[in-house]
């Protein structure tokens, strides 16, 4: 009996000891005595934000027409959702009238890998095209270009590089010159200044010379290579007996327009221009394209390219048709030009 009690006691003690033993964790793991092991937290890697598209703007020089072109592009891009510093990055470069500098600007844009180049003026387009022609990009949108065909960039509206598109801004040279004859029927000699290094000016001159001949006008021509030569060229034309000045869309001359206006005012010689904004600066009469609108229209092309919605190769180059007639009544009076009432009813903008 005693022996049986002893075995029962030993068995009870063994069971009690077994209940008090805490299982040990395998090597390398920690076990909490208060809770089950927590599941490892998993965090999905955050998606990297897509880089903002970069647009490189380049122009030959700063003057109202070219500035208006760029403003139009910027505004059109903003409407399409491409806002500088927020949803896009815009870079601006101005060659300050030096055609050679445009090549440096274009090459830098290519080296920096911009997504789009906006080339404002014919020399800017030529520089951008030369920097990209061996690469086939980045895309180029051009504006304020008289003739992409004469510039050697395109062969026809539907025959152009697959990465180059824009709107041809051929000024109404013939119609503007006709205003000289309309308002000054007795005038025979017209002074004309241009920079032969600008392909656009060569095209304008090739239109202006035969038009002047058809109108019975003698064209006295002076050439310049930079804006600082405009006043000297104008004074030389005065000495040759010109009775009116005509300036088309030559960027070099328009950049130095105030010098030409001074000579016109000092000598009572009416100044006719091919850019409406020139009237605001002091030309008596100006008939030309709406360059801000041209910028808006080319900006719409740029927005489609950035959005991946435009097949550049399949898009023809169109010609800008939206024009405007402007006069400056104060300048006209100072230059000795009378503006008949019958003419004024056709005017879109009057500056005083």
C-alpha atoms as a PDB file:
ATOM      1  CA  UNK A   1       0.000   0.000   0.000  1.00  0.00           C
ATOM      2  CA  UNK A   2       2.776   2.344   0.958  1.00  0.00           C
ATOM      3  CA  UNK A   3       4.647   1.445  -2.199  1.00  0.00           C
ATOM      4  CA  UNK A   4       1.583   2.277  -4.335  1.00  0.00           C
ATOM      5  CA  UNK A   5       1.170   5.661  -2.622  1.00  0.00           C
ATOM      6  CA  UNK A   6       4.834   6.474  -3.278  1.00  0.00           C
ATOM      7  CA  UNK A   7       4.486   5.786  -7.032  1.00  0.00           C
ATOM      8  CA  UNK A   8       1.348   7.915  -7.235  1.00  0.00           C
ATOM      9  CA  UNK A   9       3.134  10.770  -5.458  1.00  0.00           C
ATOM     10  CA  UNK A  10       6.123  10.537  -7.835  1.00  0.00           C
ATOM     11  CA  UNK A  11       3.795  10.491 -10.866  1.00  0.00           C
ATOM     12  CA  UNK A  12       1.946  13.619  -9.668  1.00  0.00           C
ATOM     13  CA  UNK A  13       5.225  15.487  -9.126  1.00  0.00           C
ATOM     14  CA  UNK A  14       6.375  14.538 -12.638  1.00  0.00           C
ATOM     15  CA  UNK A  15       3.170  15.856 -14.138  1.00  0.00           C
ATOM     16  CA  UNK A  16       3.476  19.100 -12.177  1.00  0.00           C
ATOM     17  CA  UNK A  17       7.060  19.662 -13.362  1.00  0.00           C
ATOM     18  CA  UNK A  18       6.065  18.975 -16.970  1.00  0.00           C
ATOM     19  CA  UNK A  19       3.329  21.647 -16.822  1.00  0.00           C
ATOM     20  CA  UNK A  20       5.819  24.266 -15.578  1.00  0.00           C
ATOM     21  CA  UNK A  21       8.381  23.815 -18.373  1.00  0.00           C
ATOM     22  CA  UNK A  22       8.352  26.737 -20.942  1.00  0.00           C
ATOM     23  CA  UNK A  23       9.181  25.594 -24.467  1.00  0.00           C
ATOM     24  CA  UNK A  24      12.348  27.233 -25.820  1.00  0.00           C
ATOM     25  CA  UNK A  25      12.369  29.030 -29.144  1.00  0.00           C
ATOM     26  CA  UNK A  26      14.451  27.746 -31.969  1.00  0.00           C
ATOM     27  CA  UNK A  27      17.866  29.463 -32.253  1.00  0.00           C
ATOM     28  CA  UNK A  28      17.656  32.831 -33.947  1.00  0.00           C
ATOM     29  CA  UNK A  29      13.991  33.571 -33.040  1.00  0.00           C
ATOM     30  CA  UNK A  30      12.479  35.656 -30.295  1.00  0.00           C
ATOM     31  CA  UNK A  31       9.157  34.656 -28.761  1.00  0.00           C
ATOM     32  CA  UNK A  32       7.037  36.989 -26.720  1.00  0.00           C
ATOM     33  CA  UNK A  33       5.504  35.479 -23.644  1.00  0.00           C
ATOM     34  CA  UNK A  34       2.525  37.777 -23.941  1.00  0.00           C
ATOM     35  CA  UNK A  35       1.560  37.503 -27.640  1.00  0.00           C
ATOM     36  CA  UNK A  36       2.048  35.455 -30.749  1.00  0.00           C
ATOM     37  CA  UNK A  37       4.920  36.420 -33.062  1.00  0.00           C
ATOM     38  CA  UNK A  38       3.923  39.435 -35.213  1.00  0.00           C
ATOM     39  CA  UNK A  39       3.800  38.961 -38.974  1.00  0.00           C
ATOM     40  CA  UNK A  40       6.544  40.808 -40.804  1.00  0.00           C
ATOM     41  CA  UNK A  41       5.306  44.163 -42.159  1.00  0.00           C
ATOM     42  CA  UNK A  42       5.487  44.465 -45.937  1.00  0.00           C
ATOM     43  CA  UNK A  43       5.558  47.877 -47.694  1.00  0.00           C
ATOM     44  CA  UNK A  44       5.158  48.109 -51.459  1.00  0.00           C
ATOM     45  CA  UNK A  45       7.840  50.325 -53.015  1.00  0.00           C
ATOM     46  CA  UNK A  46       6.492  53.822 -53.883  1.00  0.00           C
ATOM     47  CA  UNK A  47       6.139  54.518 -57.601  1.00  0.00           C
ATOM     48  CA  UNK A  48       8.570  57.166 -58.842  1.00  0.00           C
ATOM     49  CA  UNK A  49       6.914  60.264 -60.295  1.00  0.00           C
ATOM     50  CA  UNK A  50       7.380  60.657 -64.049  1.00  0.00           C
ATOM     51  CA  UNK A  51       9.850  63.439 -64.894  1.00  0.00           C
ATOM     52  CA  UNK A  52       8.349  66.694 -66.115  1.00  0.00           C
ATOM     53  CA  UNK A  53       8.643  67.292 -69.869  1.00  0.00           C
ATOM     54  CA  UNK A  54      11.295  69.879 -70.761  1.00  0.00           C
ATOM     55  CA  UNK A  55      10.696  72.412 -73.555  1.00  0.00           C
ATOM     56  CA  UNK A  56      13.568  74.466 -74.943  1.00  0.00           C
ATOM     57  CA  UNK A  57      12.576  77.818 -76.453  1.00  0.00           C
ATOM     58  CA  UNK A  58      15.032  79.569 -78.762  1.00  0.00           C
ATOM     59  CA  UNK A  59      14.845  82.761 -80.822  1.00  0.00           C
ATOM     60  CA  UNK A  60      17.236  84.939 -82.790  1.00  0.00           C
ATOM     61  CA  UNK A  61      16.518  88.193 -81.002  1.00  0.00           C
ATOM     62  CA  UNK A  62      13.956  89.878 -78.790  1.00  0.00           C
ATOM     63  CA  UNK A  63      11.412  92.107 -80.516  1.00  0.00           C
ATOM     64  CA  UNK A  64       7.605  92.379 -80.239  1.00  0.00           C
ATOM     65  CA  UNK A  65       6.717  89.894 -82.993  1.00  0.00           C
ATOM     66  CA  UNK A  66       9.031  87.123 -81.786  1.00  0.00           C
ATOM     67  CA  UNK A  67       8.166  87.814 -78.149  1.00  0.00           C
ATOM     68  CA  UNK A  68       4.460  87.584 -79.029  1.00  0.00           C
ATOM     69  CA  UNK A  69       5.085  84.238 -80.749  1.00  0.00           C
ATOM     70  CA  UNK A  70       6.669  82.774 -77.627  1.00  0.00           C
ATOM     71  CA  UNK A  71       3.950  84.200 -75.380  1.00  0.00           C
ATOM     72  CA  UNK A  72       1.344  82.547 -77.565  1.00  0.00           C
ATOM     73  CA  UNK A  73       3.093  79.177 -77.302  1.00  0.00           C
ATOM     74  CA  UNK A  74       3.400  79.428 -73.510  1.00  0.00           C
ATOM     75  CA  UNK A  75      -0.281  80.364 -73.171  1.00  0.00           C
ATOM     76  CA  UNK A  76      -1.420  77.533 -75.449  1.00  0.00           C
ATOM     77  CA  UNK A  77       0.683  75.015 -73.522  1.00  0.00           C
ATOM     78  CA  UNK A  78      -0.796  76.246 -70.236  1.00  0.00           C
ATOM     79  CA  UNK A  79      -4.329  75.793 -71.553  1.00  0.00           C
ATOM     80  CA  UNK A  80      -3.372  72.219 -72.494  1.00  0.00           C
ATOM     81  CA  UNK A  81      -2.077  71.562 -68.973  1.00  0.00           C
ATOM     82  CA  UNK A  82       1.659  72.168 -69.465  1.00  0.00           C
ATOM     83  CA  UNK A  83       2.481  74.932 -66.979  1.00  0.00           C
ATOM     84  CA  UNK A  84       6.056  76.037 -66.491  1.00  0.00           C
ATOM     85  CA  UNK A  85       7.387  74.999 -63.086  1.00  0.00           C
ATOM     86  CA  UNK A  86       4.340  72.885 -62.270  1.00  0.00           C
ATOM     87  CA  UNK A  87       3.668  70.298 -64.953  1.00  0.00           C
ATOM     88  CA  UNK A  88       6.527  71.150 -67.330  1.00  0.00           C
ATOM     89  CA  UNK A  89       9.903  72.854 -67.389  1.00  0.00           C
ATOM     90  CA  UNK A  90      10.512  75.656 -69.888  1.00  0.00           C
ATOM     91  CA  UNK A  91      13.985  76.849 -70.819  1.00  0.00           C
ATOM     92  CA  UNK A  92      14.456  80.095 -72.766  1.00  0.00           C
ATOM     93  CA  UNK A  93      17.455  81.159 -74.832  1.00  0.00           C
ATOM     94  CA  UNK A  94      17.948  84.326 -76.881  1.00  0.00           C
ATOM     95  CA  UNK A  95      20.824  84.632 -79.366  1.00  0.00           C
ATOM     96  CA  UNK A  96      20.683  88.454 -79.099  1.00  0.00           C
ATOM     97  CA  UNK A  97      20.870  88.813 -82.864  1.00  0.00           C
ATOM     98  CA  UNK A  98      23.911  86.568 -83.318  1.00  0.00           C
ATOM     99  CA  UNK A  99      23.006  83.806 -85.765  1.00  0.00           C
ATOM    100  CA  UNK A 100      26.075  81.726 -84.837  1.00  0.00           C
ATOM    101  CA  UNK A 101      24.959  81.636 -81.194  1.00  0.00           C
ATOM    102  CA  UNK A 102      21.796  79.826 -82.209  1.00  0.00           C
ATOM    103  CA  UNK A 103      23.859  76.750 -83.120  1.00  0.00           C
ATOM    104  CA  UNK A 104      25.312  76.682 -79.606  1.00  0.00           C
ATOM    105  CA  UNK A 105      21.851  76.995 -78.073  1.00  0.00           C
ATOM    106  CA  UNK A 106      20.399  74.222 -80.227  1.00  0.00           C
ATOM    107  CA  UNK A 107      23.284  71.864 -79.504  1.00  0.00           C
ATOM    108  CA  UNK A 108      22.940  72.450 -75.773  1.00  0.00           C
ATOM    109  CA  UNK A 109      19.254  71.576 -75.920  1.00  0.00           C
ATOM    110  CA  UNK A 110      20.100  68.352 -77.761  1.00  0.00           C
ATOM    111  CA  UNK A 111      22.876  67.493 -75.273  1.00  0.00           C
ATOM    112  CA  UNK A 112      20.563  68.204 -72.338  1.00  0.00           C
ATOM    113  CA  UNK A 113      17.916  65.877 -73.768  1.00  0.00           C
ATOM    114  CA  UNK A 114      14.986  68.282 -73.909  1.00  0.00           C
ATOM    115  CA  UNK A 115      11.696  66.753 -74.993  1.00  0.00           C
ATOM    116  CA  UNK A 116      10.788  69.483 -77.474  1.00  0.00           C
ATOM    117  CA  UNK A 117      12.407  72.513 -79.119  1.00  0.00           C
ATOM    118  CA  UNK A 118      10.327  75.572 -80.031  1.00  0.00           C
ATOM    119  CA  UNK A 119      12.267  77.499 -82.700  1.00  0.00           C
ATOM    120  CA  UNK A 120      11.109  81.076 -83.219  1.00  0.00           C
ATOM    121  CA  UNK A 121      12.470  82.752 -86.396  1.00  0.00           C
ATOM    122  CA  UNK A 122      13.985  81.210 -89.503  1.00  0.00           C
ATOM    123  CA  UNK A 123      17.604  81.195 -88.240  1.00  0.00           C
ATOM    124  CA  UNK A 124      16.449  79.462 -85.045  1.00  0.00           C
ATOM    125  CA  UNK A 125      14.713  76.748 -87.070  1.00  0.00           C
ATOM    126  CA  UNK A 126      17.807  76.226 -89.223  1.00  0.00           C
ATOM    127  CA  UNK A 127      20.042  75.894 -86.162  1.00  0.00           C
ATOM    128  CA  UNK A 128      17.647  73.468 -84.445  1.00  0.00           C
ATOM    129  CA  UNK A 129      17.309  71.379 -87.595  1.00  0.00           C
ATOM    130  CA  UNK A 130      21.082  71.180 -88.115  1.00  0.00           C
ATOM    131  CA  UNK A 131      21.586  70.067 -84.500  1.00  0.00           C
ATOM    132  CA  UNK A 132      18.975  67.299 -84.757  1.00  0.00           C
ATOM    133  CA  UNK A 133      19.151  66.053 -88.339  1.00  0.00           C
ATOM    134  CA  UNK A 134      21.594  63.218 -87.579  1.00  0.00           C
ATOM    135  CA  UNK A 135      19.480  62.080 -84.621  1.00  0.00           C
ATOM    136  CA  UNK A 136      15.959  62.533 -85.951  1.00  0.00           C
ATOM    137  CA  UNK A 137      14.934  64.464 -82.850  1.00  0.00           C
ATOM    138  CA  UNK A 138      14.008  65.814 -80.407  1.00  0.00           C
ATOM    139  CA  UNK A 139      10.829  67.161 -82.023  1.00  0.00           C
ATOM    140  CA  UNK A 140      10.918  70.745 -83.302  1.00  0.00           C
ATOM    141  CA  UNK A 141       7.962  73.117 -83.555  1.00  0.00           C
ATOM    142  CA  UNK A 142       8.737  76.304 -85.499  1.00  0.00           C
ATOM    143  CA  UNK A 143       7.021  79.666 -85.797  1.00  0.00           C
ATOM    144  CA  UNK A 144       7.751  83.137 -87.218  1.00  0.00           C
ATOM    145  CA  UNK A 145       9.315  81.348 -90.190  1.00  0.00           C
ATOM    146  CA  UNK A 146       8.673  82.940 -93.570  1.00  0.00           C
ATOM    147  CA  UNK A 147       9.500  79.824 -95.581  1.00  0.00           C
ATOM    148  CA  UNK A 148      10.716  76.494 -94.191  1.00  0.00           C
ATOM    149  CA  UNK A 149      11.249  75.534 -97.846  1.00  0.00           C
ATOM    150  CA  UNK A 150      13.638  78.371 -98.687  1.00  0.00           C
ATOM    151  CA  UNK A 151      15.323  77.700 -95.349  1.00  0.00           C
ATOM    152  CA  UNK A 152      16.254  74.210 -96.588  1.00  0.00           C
ATOM    153  CA  UNK A 153      14.303  72.379 -93.894  1.00  0.00           C
ATOM    154  CA  UNK A 154      11.245  71.180 -95.824  1.00  0.00           C
ATOM    155  CA  UNK A 155      10.571  70.454 -99.485  1.00  0.00           C
ATOM    156  CA  UNK A 156       6.785  70.863 -99.434  1.00  0.00           C
ATOM    157  CA  UNK A 157       3.914  71.121 -96.918  1.00  0.00           C
ATOM    158  CA  UNK A 158       3.616  67.322 -96.874  1.00  0.00           C
ATOM    159  CA  UNK A 159       7.329  66.651 -97.340  1.00  0.00           C
ATOM    160  CA  UNK A 160       9.244  67.601 -94.240  1.00  0.00           C
ATOM    161  CA  UNK A 161      11.415  65.876 -91.593  1.00  0.00           C
ATOM    162  CA  UNK A 162       9.427  63.486 -89.444  1.00  0.00           C
ATOM    163  CA  UNK A 163      10.354  65.404 -86.279  1.00  0.00           C
ATOM    164  CA  UNK A 164       9.780  68.964 -87.584  1.00  0.00           C
ATOM    165  CA  UNK A 165       6.416  70.745 -87.797  1.00  0.00           C
ATOM    166  CA  UNK A 166       5.111  74.298 -87.568  1.00  0.00           C
ATOM    167  CA  UNK A 167       3.105  76.978 -89.334  1.00  0.00           C
ATOM    168  CA  UNK A 168       4.529  79.028 -92.182  1.00  0.00           C
ATOM    169  CA  UNK A 169       4.384  82.734 -91.316  1.00  0.00           C
ATOM    170  CA  UNK A 170       4.740  84.293 -94.751  1.00  0.00           C
ATOM    171  CA  UNK A 171       3.875  87.967 -94.342  1.00  0.00           C
ATOM    172  CA  UNK A 172       1.561  89.641 -96.886  1.00  0.00           C
ATOM    173  CA  UNK A 173       4.443  91.528 -98.495  1.00  0.00           C
ATOM    174  CA  UNK A 174       2.582  92.338-101.705  1.00  0.00           C
ATOM    175  CA  UNK A 175      -0.502  93.715 -99.932  1.00  0.00           C
ATOM    176  CA  UNK A 176       1.591  95.816 -97.540  1.00  0.00           C
ATOM    177  CA  UNK A 177       3.532  97.377-100.383  1.00  0.00           C
ATOM    178  CA  UNK A 178       0.321  98.119-102.209  1.00  0.00           C
ATOM    179  CA  UNK A 179      -0.672 100.340 -99.270  1.00  0.00           C
ATOM    180  CA  UNK A 180       2.295 102.595-100.054  1.00  0.00           C
ATOM    181  CA  UNK A 181       0.912 103.235-103.527  1.00  0.00           C
ATOM    182  CA  UNK A 182      -2.648 103.577-102.219  1.00  0.00           C
ATOM    183  CA  UNK A 183      -1.829 106.182 -99.576  1.00  0.00           C
ATOM    184  CA  UNK A 184       1.003 107.903-101.475  1.00  0.00           C
ATOM    185  CA  UNK A 185       0.026 107.695-105.153  1.00  0.00           C
ATOM    186  CA  UNK A 186       2.703 110.205-106.207  1.00  0.00           C
ATOM    187  CA  UNK A 187       5.601 108.482-104.460  1.00  0.00           C
ATOM    188  CA  UNK A 188       8.124 106.857-106.777  1.00  0.00           C
ATOM    189  CA  UNK A 189      11.061 105.782-104.591  1.00  0.00           C
ATOM    190  CA  UNK A 190      10.849 103.477-101.575  1.00  0.00           C
ATOM    191  CA  UNK A 191      13.714 102.673 -99.202  1.00  0.00           C
ATOM    192  CA  UNK A 192      14.082  99.050 -98.069  1.00  0.00           C
ATOM    193  CA  UNK A 193      16.516  97.609 -95.490  1.00  0.00           C
ATOM    194  CA  UNK A 194      17.194  93.929 -94.839  1.00  0.00           C
ATOM    195  CA  UNK A 195      19.783  91.436 -93.615  1.00  0.00           C
ATOM    196  CA  UNK A 196      20.738  89.033 -96.444  1.00  0.00           C
ATOM    197  CA  UNK A 197      21.926  86.478 -93.853  1.00  0.00           C
ATOM    198  CA  UNK A 198      18.298  85.862 -92.872  1.00  0.00           C
ATOM    199  CA  UNK A 199      16.739  83.392 -95.295  1.00  0.00           C
ATOM    200  CA  UNK A 200      13.300  84.745 -94.472  1.00  0.00           C
ATOM    201  CA  UNK A 201      14.377  88.226 -95.556  1.00  0.00           C
ATOM    202  CA  UNK A 202      15.713  86.879 -98.828  1.00  0.00           C
ATOM    203  CA  UNK A 203      12.273  85.395 -99.512  1.00  0.00           C
ATOM    204  CA  UNK A 204      10.538  88.651 -98.583  1.00  0.00           C
ATOM    205  CA  UNK A 205      12.902  90.623-100.820  1.00  0.00           C
ATOM    206  CA  UNK A 206      12.237  88.289-103.734  1.00  0.00           C
ATOM    207  CA  UNK A 207       8.550  89.083-103.277  1.00  0.00           C
ATOM    208  CA  UNK A 208       8.988  92.803-102.651  1.00  0.00           C
ATOM    209  CA  UNK A 209      11.208  93.707-105.598  1.00  0.00           C
ATOM    210  CA  UNK A 210       8.907  92.508-108.421  1.00  0.00           C
ATOM    211  CA  UNK A 211       5.855  93.798-106.536  1.00  0.00           C
ATOM    212  CA  UNK A 212       7.395  97.261-106.323  1.00  0.00           C
ATOM    213  CA  UNK A 213       8.130  97.137-110.035  1.00  0.00           C
ATOM    214  CA  UNK A 214       4.533  96.171-110.796  1.00  0.00           C
ATOM    215  CA  UNK A 215       3.343  99.115-108.696  1.00  0.00           C
ATOM    216  CA  UNK A 216       5.629 101.501-110.545  1.00  0.00           C
ATOM    217  CA  UNK A 217       7.914 102.011-107.537  1.00  0.00           C
ATOM    218  CA  UNK A 218      11.698 102.217-107.554  1.00  0.00           C
ATOM    219  CA  UNK A 219      13.266 100.190-104.746  1.00  0.00           C
ATOM    220  CA  UNK A 220      16.374 101.609-103.094  1.00  0.00           C
ATOM    221  CA  UNK A 221      17.917  98.811-101.034  1.00  0.00           C
ATOM    222  CA  UNK A 222      20.391  98.915 -98.133  1.00  0.00           C
ATOM    223  CA  UNK A 223      21.670  95.830 -96.319  1.00  0.00           C
ATOM    224  CA  UNK A 224      22.748  95.388 -92.695  1.00  0.00           C
ATOM    225  CA  UNK A 225      24.389  92.606 -90.708  1.00  0.00           C
ATOM    226  CA  UNK A 226      23.288  93.704 -87.226  1.00  0.00           C
ATOM    227  CA  UNK A 227      20.762  96.018 -85.604  1.00  0.00           C
ATOM    228  CA  UNK A 228      23.393  98.633 -84.847  1.00  0.00           C
ATOM    229  CA  UNK A 229      23.691  99.377 -88.568  1.00  0.00           C
ATOM    230  CA  UNK A 230      20.018 100.221 -89.126  1.00  0.00           C
ATOM    231  CA  UNK A 231      20.265 103.963 -88.525  1.00  0.00           C
ATOM    232  CA  UNK A 232      23.271 104.381 -90.814  1.00  0.00           C
ATOM    233  CA  UNK A 233      21.511 102.395 -93.539  1.00  0.00           C
ATOM    234  CA  UNK A 234      18.363 104.513 -93.175  1.00  0.00           C
ATOM    235  CA  UNK A 235      20.313 107.750 -93.390  1.00  0.00           C
ATOM    236  CA  UNK A 236      22.063 106.474 -96.508  1.00  0.00           C
ATOM    237  CA  UNK A 237      18.669 105.824 -98.103  1.00  0.00           C
ATOM    238  CA  UNK A 238      17.534 109.353 -97.235  1.00  0.00           C
ATOM    239  CA  UNK A 239      20.568 110.695 -99.077  1.00  0.00           C
ATOM    240  CA  UNK A 240      19.436 108.648-102.086  1.00  0.00           C
ATOM    241  CA  UNK A 241      16.106 110.452-102.157  1.00  0.00           C
ATOM    242  CA  UNK A 242      13.638 107.871-100.853  1.00  0.00           C
ATOM    243  CA  UNK A 243      10.096 109.152-100.241  1.00  0.00           C
ATOM    244  CA  UNK A 244       8.866 106.266 -98.072  1.00  0.00           C
ATOM    245  CA  UNK A 245      10.373 103.418 -96.053  1.00  0.00           C
ATOM    246  CA  UNK A 246       9.191  99.831 -96.141  1.00  0.00           C
ATOM    247  CA  UNK A 247      10.398  97.139 -93.731  1.00  0.00           C
ATOM    248  CA  UNK A 248       9.167  93.557 -93.840  1.00  0.00           C
ATOM    249  CA  UNK A 249       9.769  90.890 -91.173  1.00  0.00           C
ATOM    250  CA  UNK A 250      13.552  91.007 -91.040  1.00  0.00           C
ATOM    251  CA  UNK A 251      14.385  90.274 -87.393  1.00  0.00           C
ATOM    252  CA  UNK A 252      17.614  92.282 -87.486  1.00  0.00           C
ATOM    253  CA  UNK A 253      15.885  95.419 -88.774  1.00  0.00           C
ATOM    254  CA  UNK A 254      12.797  95.047 -86.583  1.00  0.00           C
ATOM    255  CA  UNK A 255      15.022  94.661 -83.513  1.00  0.00           C
ATOM    256  CA  UNK A 256      16.507  98.067 -84.355  1.00  0.00           C
ATOM    257  CA  UNK A 257      13.256  99.619 -85.528  1.00  0.00           C
ATOM    258  CA  UNK A 258      13.480 102.653 -83.223  1.00  0.00           C
ATOM    259  CA  UNK A 259      16.549 103.834 -85.132  1.00  0.00           C
ATOM    260  CA  UNK A 260      14.657 103.627 -88.423  1.00  0.00           C
ATOM    261  CA  UNK A 261      11.644 105.386 -86.878  1.00  0.00           C
ATOM    262  CA  UNK A 262      13.885 108.260 -85.729  1.00  0.00           C
ATOM    263  CA  UNK A 263      15.223 108.765 -89.253  1.00  0.00           C
ATOM    264  CA  UNK A 264      11.676 108.612 -90.665  1.00  0.00           C
ATOM    265  CA  UNK A 265      10.410 111.179 -88.155  1.00  0.00           C
ATOM    266  CA  UNK A 266      13.382 113.520 -88.599  1.00  0.00           C
ATOM    267  CA  UNK A 267      12.955 113.544 -92.383  1.00  0.00           C
ATOM    268  CA  UNK A 268       9.130 113.414 -92.722  1.00  0.00           C
ATOM    269  CA  UNK A 269       9.310 110.068 -94.510  1.00  0.00           C
ATOM    270  CA  UNK A 270       6.361 107.686 -93.876  1.00  0.00           C
ATOM    271  CA  UNK A 271       7.318 104.245 -92.607  1.00  0.00           C
ATOM    272  CA  UNK A 272       5.300 101.220 -93.747  1.00  0.00           C
ATOM    273  CA  UNK A 273       5.826  97.835 -92.076  1.00  0.00           C
ATOM    274  CA  UNK A 274       4.843  94.178 -92.363  1.00  0.00           C
ATOM    275  CA  UNK A 275       4.303  93.560 -88.643  1.00  0.00           C
ATOM    276  CA  UNK A 276       1.281  95.091 -86.838  1.00  0.00           C
ATOM    277  CA  UNK A 277       3.276  95.572 -83.622  1.00  0.00           C
ATOM    278  CA  UNK A 278       5.645  97.874 -85.527  1.00  0.00           C
ATOM    279  CA  UNK A 279       2.817 100.440 -85.675  1.00  0.00           C
ATOM    280  CA  UNK A 280       2.708 100.511 -81.902  1.00  0.00           C
ATOM    281  CA  UNK A 281       6.416 101.317 -81.888  1.00  0.00           C
ATOM    282  CA  UNK A 282       6.146 104.135 -84.429  1.00  0.00           C
ATOM    283  CA  UNK A 283       5.555 102.903 -87.973  1.00  0.00           C
ATOM    284  CA  UNK A 284       2.762 104.881 -89.626  1.00  0.00           C
ATOM    285  CA  UNK A 285       1.072 101.861 -91.222  1.00  0.00           C
ATOM    286  CA  UNK A 286       1.661  98.142 -90.704  1.00  0.00           C
ATOM    287  CA  UNK A 287      -0.065  95.219 -92.363  1.00  0.00           C
ATOM    288  CA  UNK A 288       0.973  91.743 -91.321  1.00  0.00           C
ATOM    289  CA  UNK A 289       0.230  88.558 -89.447  1.00  0.00           C
ATOM    290  CA  UNK A 290      -1.072  88.263 -85.915  1.00  0.00           C
ATOM    291  CA  UNK A 291       2.073  86.809 -84.363  1.00  0.00           C
ATOM    292  CA  UNK A 292       0.518  86.109 -80.977  1.00  0.00           C
ATOM    293  CA  UNK A 293      -2.179  84.040 -82.694  1.00  0.00           C
ATOM    294  CA  UNK A 294       0.520  82.270 -84.684  1.00  0.00           C
ATOM    295  CA  UNK A 295       2.189  81.412 -81.379  1.00  0.00           C
ATOM    296  CA  UNK A 296      -1.073  80.071 -79.984  1.00  0.00           C
ATOM    297  CA  UNK A 297      -1.591  77.920 -83.072  1.00  0.00           C
ATOM    298  CA  UNK A 298       1.929  76.481 -82.974  1.00  0.00           C
ATOM    299  CA  UNK A 299       1.612  76.044 -79.211  1.00  0.00           C
ATOM    300  CA  UNK A 300      -1.351  73.764 -79.844  1.00  0.00           C
ATOM    301  CA  UNK A 301       0.917  71.610 -82.013  1.00  0.00           C
ATOM    302  CA  UNK A 302       3.527  71.549 -79.250  1.00  0.00           C
ATOM    303  CA  UNK A 303       0.927  70.450 -76.696  1.00  0.00           C
ATOM    304  CA  UNK A 304      -0.210  67.590 -78.905  1.00  0.00           C
ATOM    305  CA  UNK A 305       3.376  66.424 -79.301  1.00  0.00           C
ATOM    306  CA  UNK A 306       4.022  66.468 -75.542  1.00  0.00           C
ATOM    307  CA  UNK A 307       0.791  64.540 -75.004  1.00  0.00           C
ATOM    308  CA  UNK A 308       1.812  61.949 -77.612  1.00  0.00           C
ATOM    309  CA  UNK A 309      -1.215  62.782 -79.747  1.00  0.00           C
ATOM    310  CA  UNK A 310       0.379  64.160 -82.937  1.00  0.00           C
ATOM    311  CA  UNK A 311       1.874  62.177 -85.798  1.00  0.00           C
ATOM    312  CA  UNK A 312       4.366  64.809 -86.958  1.00  0.00           C
ATOM    313  CA  UNK A 313       5.359  63.004 -90.148  1.00  0.00           C
ATOM    314  CA  UNK A 314       1.730  62.785 -91.284  1.00  0.00           C
ATOM    315  CA  UNK A 315       0.882  66.412 -90.415  1.00  0.00           C
ATOM    316  CA  UNK A 316       1.280  68.947 -93.251  1.00  0.00           C
ATOM    317  CA  UNK A 317       2.788  72.389 -92.727  1.00  0.00           C
ATOM    318  CA  UNK A 318       0.032  74.995 -92.987  1.00  0.00           C
ATOM    319  CA  UNK A 319       0.328  78.710 -93.784  1.00  0.00           C
ATOM    320  CA  UNK A 320      -0.837  81.294 -91.279  1.00  0.00           C
ATOM    321  CA  UNK A 321      -3.712  83.308 -92.707  1.00  0.00           C
ATOM    322  CA  UNK A 322      -4.787  85.484 -89.776  1.00  0.00           C
ATOM    323  CA  UNK A 323      -3.620  89.033 -90.402  1.00  0.00           C
ATOM    324  CA  UNK A 324      -4.145  92.513 -89.049  1.00  0.00           C
ATOM    325  CA  UNK A 325      -3.893  96.140 -90.234  1.00  0.00           C
ATOM    326  CA  UNK A 326      -2.636  98.680 -87.726  1.00  0.00           C
ATOM    327  CA  UNK A 327      -1.871 102.398 -87.864  1.00  0.00           C
ATOM    328  CA  UNK A 328      -0.213 104.900 -85.565  1.00  0.00           C
ATOM    329  CA  UNK A 329      -1.925 108.271 -86.014  1.00  0.00           C
ATOM    330  CA  UNK A 330       0.742 110.210 -84.117  1.00  0.00           C
ATOM    331  CA  UNK A 331       3.543 108.640 -86.152  1.00  0.00           C
ATOM    332  CA  UNK A 332       1.643 109.235 -89.391  1.00  0.00           C
ATOM    333  CA  UNK A 333       1.268 112.936 -88.581  1.00  0.00           C
ATOM    334  CA  UNK A 334       4.944 113.246 -87.630  1.00  0.00           C
ATOM    335  CA  UNK A 335       6.032 111.501 -90.831  1.00  0.00           C
ATOM    336  CA  UNK A 336       3.745 113.600 -93.022  1.00  0.00           C
ATOM    337  CA  UNK A 337       1.258 110.871 -93.955  1.00  0.00           C
ATOM    338  CA  UNK A 338      -2.465 111.595 -94.226  1.00  0.00           C
ATOM    339  CA  UNK A 339      -4.802 108.715 -93.357  1.00  0.00           C
ATOM    340  CA  UNK A 340      -8.099 109.132 -95.235  1.00  0.00           C
ATOM    341  CA  UNK A 341     -11.339 108.216 -93.506  1.00  0.00           C
ATOM    342  CA  UNK A 342     -12.130 105.658 -96.208  1.00  0.00           C
ATOM    343  CA  UNK A 343      -8.878 103.890 -95.341  1.00  0.00           C
ATOM    344  CA  UNK A 344      -9.360 104.071 -91.569  1.00  0.00           C
ATOM    345  CA  UNK A 345     -12.589 102.043 -91.686  1.00  0.00           C
ATOM    346  CA  UNK A 346     -10.471  99.030 -92.718  1.00  0.00           C
ATOM    347  CA  UNK A 347      -8.039  99.398 -89.836  1.00  0.00           C
ATOM    348  CA  UNK A 348      -8.089  96.765 -87.083  1.00  0.00           C
ATOM    349  CA  UNK A 349      -5.945  98.577 -84.513  1.00  0.00           C
ATOM    350  CA  UNK A 350      -5.223 102.268 -83.999  1.00  0.00           C
ATOM    351  CA  UNK A 351      -2.285 103.470 -81.906  1.00  0.00           C
ATOM    352  CA  UNK A 352      -1.998 107.112 -80.932  1.00  0.00           C
END
